Amino acid sequence: MNLRPLAVVLVSWLLGCSGEAPPAIDVTACSITRPVPSTSRLHAEGTELRDALGRVVVLRGVDAGGRSKLPPFAPFDFADGGHDAALGAYLDRAASWGIDTLRVPFTWEAVEPTEGVDDEAFLQRYDALLDAAWKRGMRTIVDFHQDIYAAFLCGDGFPAWTVPGPHPAPHHDCPGWGTRYLTDADVRAAFDAFWADGSPARAAYLKLWDRLATRYRDRPGVIGFEPFNEPAPGTADPDAWAATTLTTFYTVVGARIHTAAPEALVFVDASGVDSVTVATSLQRPQGEGFVFAPHYYQPGALTGQTADASLVRAGLQRWANVGKKWNVPVLVGEFGAVNATPNATPYLAAHFDALDALGLGGTQWEYSVSKELWNGEDLSLVDGAGQENPMATAIIRPFPRAVAGDGAVFSYEAGSRAMDLRYAPAASGVTEIAIPERAYPSGYSVSITGGCVDRSVAGTLLVQANVGAGSVEVKVTAP
């Protein structure tokens, strides 16, 4: 490789000095060809995710969220004939944040509203979202979503035909709906029936996954499937249920998915209560290809009263510890705050700081463009008029998208916009750092030791280690 040294003067740094000599800066630029993996799939290797080139991949993104719970089950409002334009605008904004992952909820009600008959029109819109996300460089996770079981119970997810009727009309006018897992007898009975031996609903559920895993196993950008968002125990003892029933369930469903899609990742979630207590009795399912995908919420952040950013790192450390115990990667599938929370932006930024420090993946809940709020929830990065809420700024930050090496240590300081990445490079390979243009609207400076960089790809910094280098360190600073 032909290396071409560049002399870079850090003017902003010098202006801030008082007669002190600047530190030695080794800044080198070179021409790097961005590698293209043979497949978009990822595989689990211990607690890490790796791509087809063997690079360690970090997933950062959002959930295509709350609006997906309501007919016509898309994460954005659209008029008749306006779906494609709305989809393009929706994903273009997500791409401008620099993220690389979408967790894409679907409800069983949307897929199979009538028993035995899938809604192909919905599935084609869902297909289009997955394809358009990958076109913009975002991997996707197919997420079976439910909250308090079904729309007729003031939730979302399961079709009404999975529970004997008659049923009240679907509705979503229940602020504080999460308490119904514990207090609503009909919600608890629905889950009891699903977990019961010989459950017709569970048999139909497994057939649903046979169809979906087959449909999406070879779709570019789809890296895996999440079998069940925030599963609930019904009236069973929560700890005993998680350790036995839920663990066995994930083993069975994981094997079922892998029969149809052998190379897919399976993302397993703990219960909604566990997302608040940050503890679970769930055991590692049997088999390979699993990713632990718990959620993390502080109750005050869900009510808009208060959120303690200082507690986030310790909370996410507990989920990281489960991943180490199971020897699987961790993706924190949901975290966030309602927009009314006084310190929502620094609180959300604390999650990304913790994910960086702990080497975890994460998708923030949520990104919708909806004039109608499901059960009054307002956690979206964007409001119903399509304008970004203030806390959206927290997600616009650099991160190491793919590291050709091991032992990566990464940090980012939002105030100064200073980024630092250190790792032990592999014998060959190109590291990619996501550098959202919106994070550095006036450009940025780069210093590197042990390698060279190429800035020719918009929104991405390519890094190549020098031959024989034992370590690489890349620093990015704002002007």
Protein backbone atom coordinates (compact mmCIF):
# COMPACT_ATOMS: atom_id res chain seq x y z
CA MET A 1 0.00 0.00 0.00
CA ASN A 2 1.33 3.46 -0.92
CA LEU A 3 1.19 5.61 2.21
CA ARG A 4 1.11 9.37 1.80
CA PRO A 5 1.87 11.42 4.95
CA LEU A 6 -0.21 14.53 5.57
CA ALA A 7 0.76 17.39 7.83
CA VAL A 8 -2.26 18.44 9.88
CA VAL A 9 -2.30 21.52 12.09
CA LEU A 10 -4.90 21.43 14.87
CA VAL A 11 -5.69 25.15 14.87
CA SER A 12 -8.43 24.98 17.46
CA TRP A 13 -6.10 23.16 19.83
CA LEU A 14 -3.32 25.69 19.39
CA LEU A 15 -5.64 28.61 20.06
CA GLY A 16 -6.48 27.06 23.38
CA CYS A 17 -2.84 26.67 24.46
CA SER A 18 -0.83 29.11 26.58
CA GLY A 19 2.73 28.75 25.33
CA GLU A 20 2.87 24.98 25.69
CA ALA A 21 4.18 22.89 22.79
CA PRO A 22 1.52 20.69 21.20
CA PRO A 23 1.85 16.94 21.69
CA ALA A 24 3.30 14.82 18.89
CA ILE A 25 0.57 13.90 16.41
CA ASP A 26 1.04 11.10 13.91
CA VAL A 27 -1.55 11.76 11.18
CA THR A 28 -1.43 9.62 8.06
CA ALA A 29 -3.83 9.37 5.13
CA CYS A 30 -3.90 6.65 2.52
CA SER A 31 -6.16 5.18 -0.12
CA ILE A 32 -8.23 2.29 1.22
CA THR A 33 -10.74 0.21 -0.71
CA ARG A 34 -13.81 -0.36 1.40
CA PRO A 35 -14.28 -4.14 1.65
CA VAL A 36 -17.61 -5.72 0.81
CA PRO A 37 -18.47 -8.82 2.88
CA SER A 38 -19.83 -11.77 0.92
CA THR A 39 -23.04 -11.63 2.99
CA SER A 40 -24.79 -9.21 5.33
CA ARG A 41 -25.17 -11.97 7.92
CA LEU A 42 -23.40 -11.88 11.26
CA HIS A 43 -22.40 -14.77 13.47
CA ALA A 44 -21.94 -15.02 17.22
CA GLU A 45 -18.46 -15.85 18.44
CA GLY A 46 -18.46 -15.87 22.21
CA THR A 47 -19.71 -12.48 23.39
CA GLU A 48 -18.99 -10.81 20.05
CA LEU A 49 -20.75 -10.50 16.73
CA ARG A 50 -18.56 -10.84 13.65
CA ASP A 51 -19.20 -10.25 9.98
CA ALA A 52 -18.18 -12.44 7.03
CA LEU A 53 -14.75 -10.75 7.04
CA GLY A 54 -14.15 -11.72 10.66
CA ARG A 55 -14.48 -8.15 11.95
CA VAL A 56 -16.11 -7.39 15.31
CA VAL A 57 -19.39 -5.63 14.60
CA VAL A 58 -21.18 -3.23 16.94
CA LEU A 59 -24.91 -2.71 16.38
CA ARG A 60 -26.28 0.79 17.03
CA GLY A 61 -29.76 1.84 16.08
CA VAL A 62 -33.42 2.38 16.87
CA ASP A 63 -36.67 0.48 17.06
CA ALA A 64 -39.08 1.19 14.21
CA GLY A 65 -41.52 1.70 16.91
CA GLY A 66 -44.81 2.54 18.46
CA ARG A 67 -46.71 3.50 15.32
CA SER A 68 -46.16 -0.09 14.13
CA LYS A 69 -48.60 -1.29 16.80
CA LEU A 70 -51.56 0.43 15.12
CA PRO A 71 -53.24 -0.23 11.74
CA PRO A 72 -51.92 -0.08 9.09
CA PHE A 73 -48.94 -1.26 11.18
CA ALA A 74 -46.15 0.96 9.85
CA PRO A 75 -43.77 3.14 11.91
CA PHE A 76 -44.94 6.28 10.12
CA ASP A 77 -48.19 7.87 8.99
CA PHE A 78 -48.89 7.76 5.27
CA ALA A 79 -51.76 8.75 2.99
CA ASP A 80 -53.29 6.54 0.32
CA GLY A 81 -50.69 6.10 -2.39
CA GLY A 82 -48.03 7.77 -0.27
CA HIS A 83 -46.38 4.81 1.42
CA ASP A 84 -43.20 4.71 -0.64
CA ALA A 85 -42.48 8.42 -0.27
CA ALA A 86 -43.12 8.29 3.48
CA LEU A 87 -40.88 5.23 3.79
CA GLY A 88 -38.06 6.97 1.96
CA ALA A 89 -38.27 10.05 4.17
CA TYR A 90 -38.44 7.91 7.28
CA LEU A 91 -35.31 5.93 6.47
CA ASP A 92 -33.36 8.87 5.05
CA ARG A 93 -33.68 10.58 8.42
CA ALA A 94 -32.57 7.43 10.24
CA ALA A 95 -29.55 7.17 7.93
CA SER A 96 -28.63 10.79 8.70
CA TRP A 97 -28.19 9.79 12.35
CA GLY A 98 -25.40 7.42 11.31
CA ILE A 99 -26.99 4.28 12.75
CA ASP A 100 -26.50 0.82 11.28
CA THR A 101 -29.38 -1.21 12.77
CA LEU A 102 -33.18 -1.22 12.84
CA ARG A 103 -35.14 -3.49 15.14
CA VAL A 104 -38.36 -3.77 13.14
CA PRO A 105 -41.48 -4.75 15.12
CA PHE A 106 -44.38 -6.62 13.57
CA THR A 107 -47.55 -7.77 15.29
CA TRP A 108 -49.03 -11.18 14.67
CA GLU A 109 -52.37 -9.40 14.27
CA ALA A 110 -50.93 -7.56 11.25
CA VAL A 111 -49.49 -10.70 9.64
CA GLU A 112 -52.38 -13.11 10.21
CA PRO A 113 -55.55 -11.15 11.11
CA THR A 114 -57.69 -14.16 10.17
CA GLU A 115 -56.55 -17.61 11.25
CA GLY A 116 -54.81 -19.37 8.40
CA VAL A 117 -54.75 -16.30 6.10
CA ASP A 118 -51.69 -14.04 5.99
CA ASP A 119 -52.08 -10.42 4.91
CA GLU A 120 -49.81 -10.25 1.90
CA ALA A 121 -50.29 -6.49 1.50
CA PHE A 122 -48.87 -5.92 4.98
CA LEU A 123 -46.02 -8.35 4.39
CA GLN A 124 -45.06 -6.60 1.17
CA ARG A 125 -44.89 -3.26 3.00
CA TYR A 126 -42.78 -4.92 5.70
CA ASP A 127 -40.53 -6.39 2.99
CA ALA A 128 -40.13 -2.93 1.47
CA LEU A 129 -39.03 -1.48 4.81
CA LEU A 130 -36.39 -4.18 5.30
CA ASP A 131 -35.09 -3.76 1.76
CA ALA A 132 -34.99 0.03 1.91
CA ALA A 133 -33.15 -0.08 5.25
CA TRP A 134 -30.44 -2.34 3.82
CA LYS A 135 -30.15 -0.08 0.76
CA ARG A 136 -29.10 2.62 3.23
CA GLY A 137 -26.66 0.32 5.03
CA MET A 138 -28.84 -0.61 8.00
CA ARG A 139 -29.14 -4.23 9.12
CA THR A 140 -32.54 -5.33 10.40
CA ILE A 141 -33.94 -7.56 13.16
CA VAL A 142 -37.41 -9.07 12.64
CA ASP A 143 -39.16 -8.52 15.98
CA PHE A 144 -42.34 -10.34 17.08
CA HIS A 145 -43.89 -7.55 19.12
CA GLN A 146 -46.58 -7.70 21.77
CA ASP A 147 -47.63 -5.68 24.80
CA ILE A 148 -50.26 -7.03 27.24
CA TYR A 149 -51.05 -9.62 24.60
CA ALA A 150 -53.57 -8.04 22.17
CA ALA A 151 -55.36 -4.91 20.96
CA PHE A 152 -58.68 -5.94 22.47
CA LEU A 153 -56.92 -5.95 25.87
CA CYS A 154 -55.61 -2.41 25.25
CA GLY A 155 -52.29 -3.72 23.98
CA ASP A 156 -50.95 -5.07 20.71
CA GLY A 157 -49.55 -8.25 19.23
CA PHE A 158 -51.61 -11.42 19.15
CA PRO A 159 -54.66 -11.67 16.88
CA ALA A 160 -57.98 -11.89 18.71
CA TRP A 161 -58.64 -15.36 17.29
CA THR A 162 -55.94 -16.82 19.57
CA VAL A 163 -58.28 -16.29 22.55
CA PRO A 164 -61.88 -17.58 22.66
CA GLY A 165 -64.38 -14.71 22.30
CA PRO A 166 -66.37 -12.62 22.49
CA HIS A 167 -63.94 -9.69 22.77
CA PRO A 168 -64.28 -5.96 23.30
CA ALA A 169 -63.31 -3.70 20.42
CA PRO A 170 -59.58 -2.98 20.02
CA HIS A 171 -58.51 0.13 21.90
CA HIS A 172 -55.32 1.86 23.04
CA ASP A 173 -56.38 4.35 25.69
CA CYS A 174 -54.53 2.91 28.69
CA PRO A 175 -51.69 5.08 30.00
CA GLY A 176 -49.67 2.98 32.42
CA TRP A 177 -50.67 -0.14 30.51
CA GLY A 178 -47.66 -2.10 31.82
CA THR A 179 -49.30 -2.61 35.22
CA ARG A 180 -51.93 -4.77 33.49
CA TYR A 181 -49.42 -7.63 33.28
CA LEU A 182 -49.91 -7.87 37.05
CA THR A 183 -53.46 -6.62 37.59
CA ASP A 184 -55.62 -7.53 34.58
CA ALA A 185 -57.15 -11.00 34.93
CA ASP A 186 -57.89 -11.28 31.19
CA VAL A 187 -54.31 -10.40 30.22
CA ARG A 188 -52.94 -12.96 32.67
CA ALA A 189 -55.38 -15.61 31.48
CA ALA A 190 -54.37 -15.06 27.85
CA PHE A 191 -50.74 -15.73 28.71
CA ASP A 192 -51.63 -18.72 30.86
CA ALA A 193 -53.45 -20.22 27.87
CA PHE A 194 -50.50 -19.56 25.56
CA TRP A 195 -48.00 -21.29 27.89
CA ALA A 196 -50.28 -24.23 28.68
CA ASP A 197 -49.40 -27.70 27.38
CA GLY A 198 -51.12 -28.36 24.07
CA SER A 199 -51.87 -24.67 23.51
CA PRO A 200 -53.51 -24.14 20.08
CA ALA A 201 -52.24 -20.55 20.06
CA ARG A 202 -48.65 -21.70 20.60
CA ALA A 203 -48.96 -24.30 17.83
CA ALA A 204 -50.18 -21.60 15.45
CA TYR A 205 -47.37 -19.29 16.65
CA LEU A 206 -44.72 -21.88 15.73
CA LYS A 207 -46.22 -22.25 12.26
CA LEU A 208 -46.07 -18.47 11.90
CA TRP A 209 -42.34 -18.56 12.60
CA ASP A 210 -41.87 -21.38 10.08
CA ARG A 211 -43.31 -19.07 7.42
CA LEU A 212 -41.48 -15.92 8.48
CA ALA A 213 -38.07 -17.54 8.93
CA THR A 214 -38.41 -19.07 5.47
CA ARG A 215 -39.52 -15.76 3.95
CA TYR A 216 -36.65 -13.71 5.41
CA ARG A 217 -33.77 -16.19 5.79
CA ASP A 218 -32.04 -15.03 2.59
CA ARG A 219 -33.19 -11.40 2.55
CA PRO A 220 -30.13 -9.09 2.45
CA GLY A 221 -29.72 -7.08 5.62
CA VAL A 222 -31.88 -9.32 7.83
CA ILE A 223 -29.52 -10.67 10.49
CA GLY A 224 -31.99 -12.48 12.71
CA PHE A 225 -35.28 -12.91 14.48
CA GLU A 226 -36.62 -11.95 17.88
CA PRO A 227 -39.23 -14.57 18.85
CA PHE A 228 -41.07 -12.63 21.57
CA ASN A 229 -40.97 -9.06 22.82
CA GLU A 230 -41.20 -8.83 26.62
CA PRO A 231 -42.82 -12.22 27.32
CA ALA A 232 -45.01 -12.42 30.43
CA PRO A 233 -45.71 -15.32 32.84
CA GLY A 234 -49.46 -14.89 33.31
CA THR A 235 -50.25 -16.14 36.82
CA ALA A 236 -47.13 -18.33 37.13
CA ASP A 237 -44.35 -17.53 39.57
CA PRO A 238 -42.13 -15.20 37.46
CA ASP A 239 -38.76 -16.65 38.50
CA ALA A 240 -39.75 -20.30 38.16
CA TRP A 241 -41.49 -19.57 34.84
CA ALA A 242 -38.44 -17.78 33.40
CA ALA A 243 -36.02 -20.51 34.51
CA THR A 244 -38.13 -23.35 33.12
CA THR A 245 -41.02 -22.51 30.78
CA LEU A 246 -39.46 -19.50 29.04
CA THR A 247 -35.99 -21.04 28.78
CA THR A 248 -37.42 -24.21 27.23
CA PHE A 249 -39.64 -22.13 24.94
CA TYR A 250 -36.64 -20.24 23.54
CA THR A 251 -34.76 -23.49 23.02
CA VAL A 252 -37.69 -24.90 21.03
CA VAL A 253 -38.35 -21.74 19.02
CA GLY A 254 -34.65 -21.21 18.35
CA ALA A 255 -34.34 -24.73 16.95
CA ARG A 256 -37.48 -24.18 14.87
CA ILE A 257 -36.13 -20.95 13.40
CA HIS A 258 -32.74 -22.51 12.71
CA THR A 259 -34.37 -25.38 10.86
CA ALA A 260 -35.70 -22.85 8.35
CA ALA A 261 -32.87 -20.29 8.64
CA PRO A 262 -29.71 -22.03 9.91
CA GLU A 263 -27.49 -18.93 9.78
CA ALA A 264 -29.88 -16.50 11.45
CA LEU A 265 -29.26 -15.01 14.87
CA VAL A 266 -32.02 -15.50 17.47
CA PHE A 267 -32.49 -12.55 19.84
CA VAL A 268 -34.03 -13.60 23.18
CA ASP A 269 -35.66 -11.07 25.46
CA ALA A 270 -36.38 -11.18 29.18
CA SER A 271 -39.72 -10.06 30.61
CA GLY A 272 -40.90 -6.47 30.82
CA VAL A 273 -40.60 -6.54 34.62
CA ASP A 274 -36.98 -7.67 34.23
CA SER A 275 -36.28 -4.54 32.17
CA VAL A 276 -36.99 -2.46 35.28
CA THR A 277 -35.42 -4.71 37.93
CA VAL A 278 -32.42 -5.41 35.65
CA ALA A 279 -32.33 -9.02 36.79
CA THR A 280 -33.64 -12.24 35.26
CA SER A 281 -34.01 -15.92 36.07
CA LEU A 282 -33.95 -16.77 32.36
CA GLN A 283 -31.30 -19.38 31.57
CA ARG A 284 -29.26 -19.72 28.40
CA PRO A 285 -31.31 -21.60 25.78
CA GLN A 286 -29.73 -24.71 24.32
CA GLY A 287 -28.18 -24.34 20.89
CA GLU A 288 -26.04 -21.79 19.08
CA GLY A 289 -26.63 -18.47 17.39
CA PHE A 290 -28.36 -16.78 20.33
CA VAL A 291 -28.05 -13.12 21.32
CA PHE A 292 -29.29 -11.95 24.72
CA ALA A 293 -31.58 -8.99 23.98
CA PRO A 294 -32.97 -7.56 27.25
CA HIS A 295 -34.48 -4.10 27.78
CA TYR A 296 -33.55 -1.38 30.27
CA TYR A 297 -35.97 1.21 31.66
CA GLN A 298 -36.05 3.42 34.71
CA PRO A 299 -39.67 3.91 35.86
CA GLY A 300 -39.27 7.67 36.20
CA ALA A 301 -38.13 7.93 32.60
CA LEU A 302 -41.34 6.22 31.46
CA THR A 303 -43.52 8.67 33.39
CA GLY A 304 -41.54 11.78 32.49
CA GLN A 305 -40.79 12.59 36.10
CA THR A 306 -37.08 11.92 36.47
CA ALA A 307 -34.25 9.79 35.12
CA ASP A 308 -30.88 9.16 36.74
CA ALA A 309 -28.13 9.05 34.13
CA SER A 310 -25.59 8.04 36.78
CA LEU A 311 -27.31 4.66 37.25
CA VAL A 312 -27.32 3.64 33.59
CA ARG A 313 -23.79 2.23 33.39
CA ALA A 314 -24.32 -0.02 36.43
CA GLY A 315 -27.68 -1.21 35.07
CA LEU A 316 -26.31 -2.15 31.67
CA GLN A 317 -23.30 -3.78 33.34
CA ARG A 318 -25.72 -6.28 34.87
CA TRP A 319 -26.98 -7.25 31.43
CA ALA A 320 -23.39 -7.46 30.16
CA ASN A 321 -22.68 -9.88 33.00
CA VAL A 322 -25.49 -12.16 31.81
CA GLY A 323 -23.96 -12.17 28.34
CA LYS A 324 -20.59 -13.18 29.80
CA LYS A 325 -22.22 -15.91 31.89
CA TRP A 326 -24.00 -17.30 28.83
CA ASN A 327 -21.02 -16.57 26.54
CA VAL A 328 -23.27 -14.83 23.99
CA PRO A 329 -23.40 -11.29 22.57
CA VAL A 330 -25.75 -8.72 24.14
CA LEU A 331 -27.99 -6.28 22.31
CA VAL A 332 -30.02 -4.02 24.59
CA GLY A 333 -33.16 -4.09 22.48
CA GLU A 334 -34.99 -1.20 24.14
CA PHE A 335 -34.10 1.80 26.29
CA GLY A 336 -35.32 5.36 26.33
CA ALA A 337 -37.42 8.04 27.99
CA VAL A 338 -40.58 10.00 27.31
CA ASN A 339 -39.87 13.39 25.81
CA ALA A 340 -41.25 15.19 28.86
CA THR A 341 -38.44 13.84 31.06
CA PRO A 342 -36.47 16.93 32.20
CA ASN A 343 -33.01 15.49 31.43
CA ALA A 344 -34.04 13.19 28.57
CA THR A 345 -31.11 14.09 26.29
CA PRO A 346 -28.21 13.51 28.73
CA TYR A 347 -30.04 10.48 30.08
CA LEU A 348 -30.26 8.94 26.61
CA ALA A 349 -26.64 9.88 25.88
CA ALA A 350 -25.61 8.02 29.05
CA HIS A 351 -26.98 4.81 27.51
CA PHE A 352 -24.80 5.17 24.45
CA ASP A 353 -21.79 6.01 26.63
CA ALA A 354 -22.42 2.81 28.59
CA LEU A 355 -22.90 0.71 25.45
CA ASP A 356 -19.59 2.05 24.14
CA ALA A 357 -17.76 1.33 27.38
CA LEU A 358 -19.20 -2.17 27.76
CA GLY A 359 -18.99 -3.19 24.10
CA LEU A 360 -22.73 -3.86 23.85
CA GLY A 361 -25.16 -3.42 20.98
CA GLY A 362 -28.28 -1.33 21.45
CA THR A 363 -31.44 -0.10 19.74
CA GLN A 364 -33.29 2.85 21.28
CA TRP A 365 -37.05 2.80 21.74
CA GLU A 366 -38.25 4.40 19.53
CA TYR A 367 -38.57 6.10 16.14
CA SER A 368 -42.08 6.78 14.88
CA VAL A 369 -43.70 9.56 12.89
CA SER A 370 -47.25 9.44 14.22
CA LYS A 371 -49.92 11.98 15.05
CA GLU A 372 -51.65 9.33 17.18
CA LEU A 373 -49.80 8.01 20.24
CA TRP A 374 -50.35 4.39 21.22
CA ASN A 375 -51.65 4.46 24.81
CA GLY A 376 -50.37 8.02 25.10
CA GLU A 377 -46.72 6.97 24.90
CA ASP A 378 -44.29 9.63 23.69
CA LEU A 379 -40.81 8.15 23.48
CA SER A 380 -40.14 8.81 19.80
CA LEU A 381 -37.12 10.74 18.55
CA VAL A 382 -39.49 12.46 16.09
CA ASP A 383 -42.86 14.09 16.70
CA GLY A 384 -46.09 13.64 14.77
CA ALA A 385 -45.30 16.57 12.49
CA GLY A 386 -42.03 14.93 11.45
CA GLN A 387 -39.77 17.23 13.48
CA GLU A 388 -36.97 15.79 15.57
CA ASN A 389 -37.42 16.02 19.33
CA PRO A 390 -34.47 17.46 21.30
CA MET A 391 -33.28 14.09 22.58
CA ALA A 392 -32.67 12.91 19.00
CA THR A 393 -29.31 14.69 19.19
CA ALA A 394 -28.10 12.02 21.63
CA ILE A 395 -28.09 9.31 18.96
CA ILE A 396 -26.01 11.31 16.44
CA ARG A 397 -22.54 10.18 17.40
CA PRO A 398 -19.64 8.12 16.03
CA PHE A 399 -19.08 4.47 16.86
CA PRO A 400 -16.87 1.61 15.59
CA ARG A 401 -19.11 -0.14 13.07
CA ALA A 402 -16.65 -2.96 12.26
CA VAL A 403 -13.25 -3.52 13.85
CA ALA A 404 -10.57 -5.59 12.13
CA GLY A 405 -8.94 -6.67 15.37
CA ASP A 406 -9.52 -7.47 19.01
CA GLY A 407 -9.72 -5.78 22.39
CA ALA A 408 -11.35 -2.61 21.12
CA VAL A 409 -11.75 0.21 23.63
CA PHE A 410 -13.95 3.08 22.47
CA SER A 411 -15.13 6.34 23.98
CA TYR A 412 -16.93 9.48 22.84
CA GLU A 413 -17.43 12.73 24.73
CA ALA A 414 -20.54 14.46 23.42
CA GLY A 415 -19.66 17.94 24.74
CA SER A 416 -16.32 18.21 22.96
CA ARG A 417 -17.21 15.63 20.27
CA ALA A 418 -13.89 13.90 20.91
CA MET A 419 -13.70 10.23 19.94
CA ASP A 420 -11.03 7.66 20.73
CA LEU A 421 -10.69 4.07 19.47
CA ARG A 422 -7.89 1.68 20.40
CA TYR A 423 -7.53 -1.95 19.35
CA ALA A 424 -5.04 -4.70 18.56
CA PRO A 425 -5.24 -5.11 14.78
CA ALA A 426 -5.70 -8.38 12.94
CA ALA A 427 -3.09 -9.42 10.40
CA SER A 428 -5.24 -7.83 7.71
CA GLY A 429 -8.57 -6.10 7.33
CA VAL A 430 -10.17 -2.67 7.28
CA THR A 431 -11.82 -1.09 10.30
CA GLU A 432 -14.88 1.11 9.70
CA ILE A 433 -15.89 3.91 12.07
CA ALA A 434 -19.28 5.52 11.59
CA ILE A 435 -18.79 9.30 11.60
CA PRO A 436 -22.22 10.89 11.02
CA GLU A 437 -21.84 14.10 9.04
CA ARG A 438 -24.43 15.68 11.34
CA ALA A 439 -22.12 15.08 14.31
CA TYR A 440 -19.37 17.13 12.66
CA PRO A 441 -21.09 19.68 10.40
CA SER A 442 -17.87 21.71 10.11
CA GLY A 443 -15.68 18.68 9.53
CA TYR A 444 -13.29 16.95 11.88
CA SER A 445 -9.61 16.28 12.47
CA VAL A 446 -8.08 12.82 12.72
CA SER A 447 -4.92 11.60 14.39
CA ILE A 448 -3.77 7.99 14.25
CA THR A 449 -0.91 5.88 15.50
CA GLY A 450 -0.17 2.47 14.01
CA GLY A 451 -2.05 2.92 10.75
CA CYS A 452 -3.58 5.21 8.17
CA VAL A 453 -7.06 6.51 7.37
CA ASP A 454 -9.27 7.19 4.35
CA ARG A 455 -12.16 9.68 4.55
CA SER A 456 -13.44 9.21 0.99
CA VAL A 457 -16.63 7.32 2.04
CA ALA A 458 -19.28 9.73 3.28
CA GLY A 459 -20.15 9.15 6.92
CA THR A 460 -17.43 6.53 7.37
CA LEU A 461 -13.78 6.63 8.36
CA LEU A 462 -11.76 3.68 7.00
CA VAL A 463 -8.72 2.57 8.98
CA GLN A 464 -5.87 0.32 7.85
CA ALA A 465 -3.24 -0.88 10.33
CA ASN A 466 0.41 -0.64 9.42
CA VAL A 467 2.15 -3.93 8.70
CA GLY A 468 3.43 -5.34 11.98
CA ALA A 469 1.63 -2.78 14.15
CA GLY A 470 0.78 -4.15 17.59
CA SER A 471 -1.88 -1.54 18.27
CA VAL A 472 -3.87 1.14 16.51
CA GLU A 473 -5.30 4.29 18.09
CA VAL A 474 -7.58 6.68 16.23
CA LYS A 475 -8.66 10.04 17.61
CA VAL A 476 -11.31 12.29 16.07
CA THR A 477 -11.85 15.85 17.23
CA ALA A 478 -14.11 18.70 16.20
CA PRO A 479 -12.50 21.83 14.74
